[in-house]
């Protein structure tokens, strides 16, 4: 749960820093017996010249992928999308 809470806090901070405040942004968290899934989307502010992941999200990518999850980002024009799947270990 600390991983999920930390990732969500980082996503909200990234939206505040990089998303266009006049446009839409969304974070969706769903889960089932196998995984927790997080999707985030926003419209990048026109004066944001940053490309790729910042070090904070890159850190979460490493942790999630090392644990068997998936972490994918996609940018097209001014729209940014993140899709994450964190496996649920039923033995914990």
C-alpha atoms as a PDB file:
ATOM      1  CA  UNK A   1       0.000   0.000   0.000  1.00  0.00           C
ATOM      2  CA  UNK A   2       2.950   2.344   0.598  1.00  0.00           C
ATOM      3  CA  UNK A   3       3.990   1.835  -3.029  1.00  0.00           C
ATOM      4  CA  UNK A   4       0.497   2.754  -4.246  1.00  0.00           C
ATOM      5  CA  UNK A   5       0.241   5.789  -1.951  1.00  0.00           C
ATOM      6  CA  UNK A   6       3.693   7.014  -2.978  1.00  0.00           C
ATOM      7  CA  UNK A   7       2.974   6.578  -6.686  1.00  0.00           C
ATOM      8  CA  UNK A   8      -0.327   8.438  -6.402  1.00  0.00           C
ATOM      9  CA  UNK A   9       1.331  11.304  -4.520  1.00  0.00           C
ATOM     10  CA  UNK A  10       4.021  11.498  -7.227  1.00  0.00           C
ATOM     11  CA  UNK A  11       1.401  11.479  -9.996  1.00  0.00           C
ATOM     12  CA  UNK A  12      -0.555  14.326  -8.390  1.00  0.00           C
ATOM     13  CA  UNK A  13       2.671  16.302  -7.955  1.00  0.00           C
ATOM     14  CA  UNK A  14       3.572  15.688 -11.611  1.00  0.00           C
ATOM     15  CA  UNK A  15       0.131  16.839 -12.735  1.00  0.00           C
ATOM     16  CA  UNK A  16       0.520  20.020 -10.675  1.00  0.00           C
ATOM     17  CA  UNK A  17       3.955  20.650 -12.176  1.00  0.00           C
ATOM     18  CA  UNK A  18       3.519  19.608 -15.818  1.00  0.00           C
ATOM     19  CA  UNK A  19      -0.188  19.500 -16.734  1.00  0.00           C
ATOM     20  CA  UNK A  20      -2.062  22.404 -18.267  1.00  0.00           C
ATOM     21  CA  UNK A  21      -4.289  23.736 -15.454  1.00  0.00           C
ATOM     22  CA  UNK A  22      -6.927  24.798 -17.977  1.00  0.00           C
ATOM     23  CA  UNK A  23      -7.252  21.310 -19.458  1.00  0.00           C
ATOM     24  CA  UNK A  24      -8.352  17.912 -18.196  1.00  0.00           C
ATOM     25  CA  UNK A  25      -6.394  15.420 -16.133  1.00  0.00           C
ATOM     26  CA  UNK A  26      -7.480  12.145 -14.533  1.00  0.00           C
ATOM     27  CA  UNK A  27      -6.185   9.337 -12.368  1.00  0.00           C
ATOM     28  CA  UNK A  28      -8.067   6.054 -12.127  1.00  0.00           C
ATOM     29  CA  UNK A  29      -7.275   3.220  -9.717  1.00  0.00           C
ATOM     30  CA  UNK A  30      -8.899  -0.199 -10.105  1.00  0.00           C
ATOM     31  CA  UNK A  31      -8.098  -3.596  -8.688  1.00  0.00           C
ATOM     32  CA  UNK A  32      -9.063  -7.238  -8.801  1.00  0.00           C
ATOM     33  CA  UNK A  33      -7.636 -10.413  -7.274  1.00  0.00           C
ATOM     34  CA  UNK A  34      -4.533 -10.275  -9.506  1.00  0.00           C
ATOM     35  CA  UNK A  35      -3.396  -6.646  -9.664  1.00  0.00           C
ATOM     36  CA  UNK A  36      -3.859  -3.008  -8.827  1.00  0.00           C
ATOM     37  CA  UNK A  37      -4.104  -0.919 -12.008  1.00  0.00           C
ATOM     38  CA  UNK A  38      -3.444   2.797 -12.225  1.00  0.00           C
ATOM     39  CA  UNK A  39      -4.125   4.940 -15.283  1.00  0.00           C
ATOM     40  CA  UNK A  40      -3.289   8.617 -15.472  1.00  0.00           C
ATOM     41  CA  UNK A  41      -3.892  11.063 -18.303  1.00  0.00           C
ATOM     42  CA  UNK A  42      -3.365  14.753 -18.747  1.00  0.00           C
ATOM     43  CA  UNK A  43      -2.716  17.521 -21.219  1.00  0.00           C
ATOM     44  CA  UNK A  44       0.832  18.811 -20.987  1.00  0.00           C
ATOM     45  CA  UNK A  45       1.170  22.560 -20.504  1.00  0.00           C
ATOM     46  CA  UNK A  46       2.421  24.290 -23.644  1.00  0.00           C
ATOM     47  CA  UNK A  47       5.486  25.755 -21.896  1.00  0.00           C
ATOM     48  CA  UNK A  48       6.657  22.387 -20.512  1.00  0.00           C
ATOM     49  CA  UNK A  49       9.724  21.311 -22.480  1.00  0.00           C
ATOM     50  CA  UNK A  50      10.527  18.253 -20.339  1.00  0.00           C
ATOM     51  CA  UNK A  51      10.716  15.019 -22.305  1.00  0.00           C
ATOM     52  CA  UNK A  52      10.387  11.526 -20.897  1.00  0.00           C
ATOM     53  CA  UNK A  53      10.101  10.480 -17.278  1.00  0.00           C
ATOM     54  CA  UNK A  54      11.423  12.496 -14.404  1.00  0.00           C
ATOM     55  CA  UNK A  55      13.561  10.720 -11.838  1.00  0.00           C
ATOM     56  CA  UNK A  56      10.619  10.234  -9.447  1.00  0.00           C
ATOM     57  CA  UNK A  57       8.448   8.315 -11.885  1.00  0.00           C
ATOM     58  CA  UNK A  58      11.484   6.478 -13.225  1.00  0.00           C
ATOM     59  CA  UNK A  59      12.144   5.230  -9.686  1.00  0.00           C
ATOM     60  CA  UNK A  60       8.586   3.860  -9.489  1.00  0.00           C
ATOM     61  CA  UNK A  61       9.017   2.202 -12.897  1.00  0.00           C
ATOM     62  CA  UNK A  62      12.068   0.313 -11.597  1.00  0.00           C
ATOM     63  CA  UNK A  63      10.336  -0.802  -8.392  1.00  0.00           C
ATOM     64  CA  UNK A  64       7.146  -1.910 -10.168  1.00  0.00           C
ATOM     65  CA  UNK A  65       8.871  -3.733 -13.038  1.00  0.00           C
ATOM     66  CA  UNK A  66      11.300  -5.444 -10.632  1.00  0.00           C
ATOM     67  CA  UNK A  67       8.261  -6.732  -8.730  1.00  0.00           C
ATOM     68  CA  UNK A  68       6.739  -8.231 -11.893  1.00  0.00           C
ATOM     69  CA  UNK A  69       4.430  -5.345 -12.761  1.00  0.00           C
ATOM     70  CA  UNK A  70       4.149  -3.181 -15.850  1.00  0.00           C
ATOM     71  CA  UNK A  71       4.745   0.551 -16.233  1.00  0.00           C
ATOM     72  CA  UNK A  72       4.056   2.185 -19.594  1.00  0.00           C
ATOM     73  CA  UNK A  73       3.904   5.813 -20.662  1.00  0.00           C
ATOM     74  CA  UNK A  74       2.790   7.279 -23.942  1.00  0.00           C
ATOM     75  CA  UNK A  75       2.908  10.844 -25.193  1.00  0.00           C
ATOM     76  CA  UNK A  76       1.142  11.987 -28.327  1.00  0.00           C
ATOM     77  CA  UNK A  77       1.062  15.670 -29.211  1.00  0.00           C
ATOM     78  CA  UNK A  78       0.128  17.373 -25.929  1.00  0.00           C
ATOM     79  CA  UNK A  79      -1.463  14.340 -24.259  1.00  0.00           C
ATOM     80  CA  UNK A  80       0.359  12.144 -21.730  1.00  0.00           C
ATOM     81  CA  UNK A  81      -0.825   8.703 -20.599  1.00  0.00           C
ATOM     82  CA  UNK A  82       0.441   6.317 -17.917  1.00  0.00           C
ATOM     83  CA  UNK A  83      -0.691   2.709 -17.420  1.00  0.00           C
ATOM     84  CA  UNK A  84       0.611   0.720 -14.459  1.00  0.00           C
ATOM     85  CA  UNK A  85      -0.189  -2.761 -13.207  1.00  0.00           C
ATOM     86  CA  UNK A  86       1.083  -3.846  -9.780  1.00  0.00           C
ATOM     87  CA  UNK A  87       0.647  -7.560  -9.070  1.00  0.00           C
ATOM     88  CA  UNK A  88      -1.089  -8.507  -5.833  1.00  0.00           C
ATOM     89  CA  UNK A  89       0.755 -11.141  -3.864  1.00  0.00           C
ATOM     90  CA  UNK A  90      -1.973 -13.106  -2.114  1.00  0.00           C
ATOM     91  CA  UNK A  91       0.517 -14.589   0.367  1.00  0.00           C
ATOM     92  CA  UNK A  92       1.265 -11.238   2.050  1.00  0.00           C
END
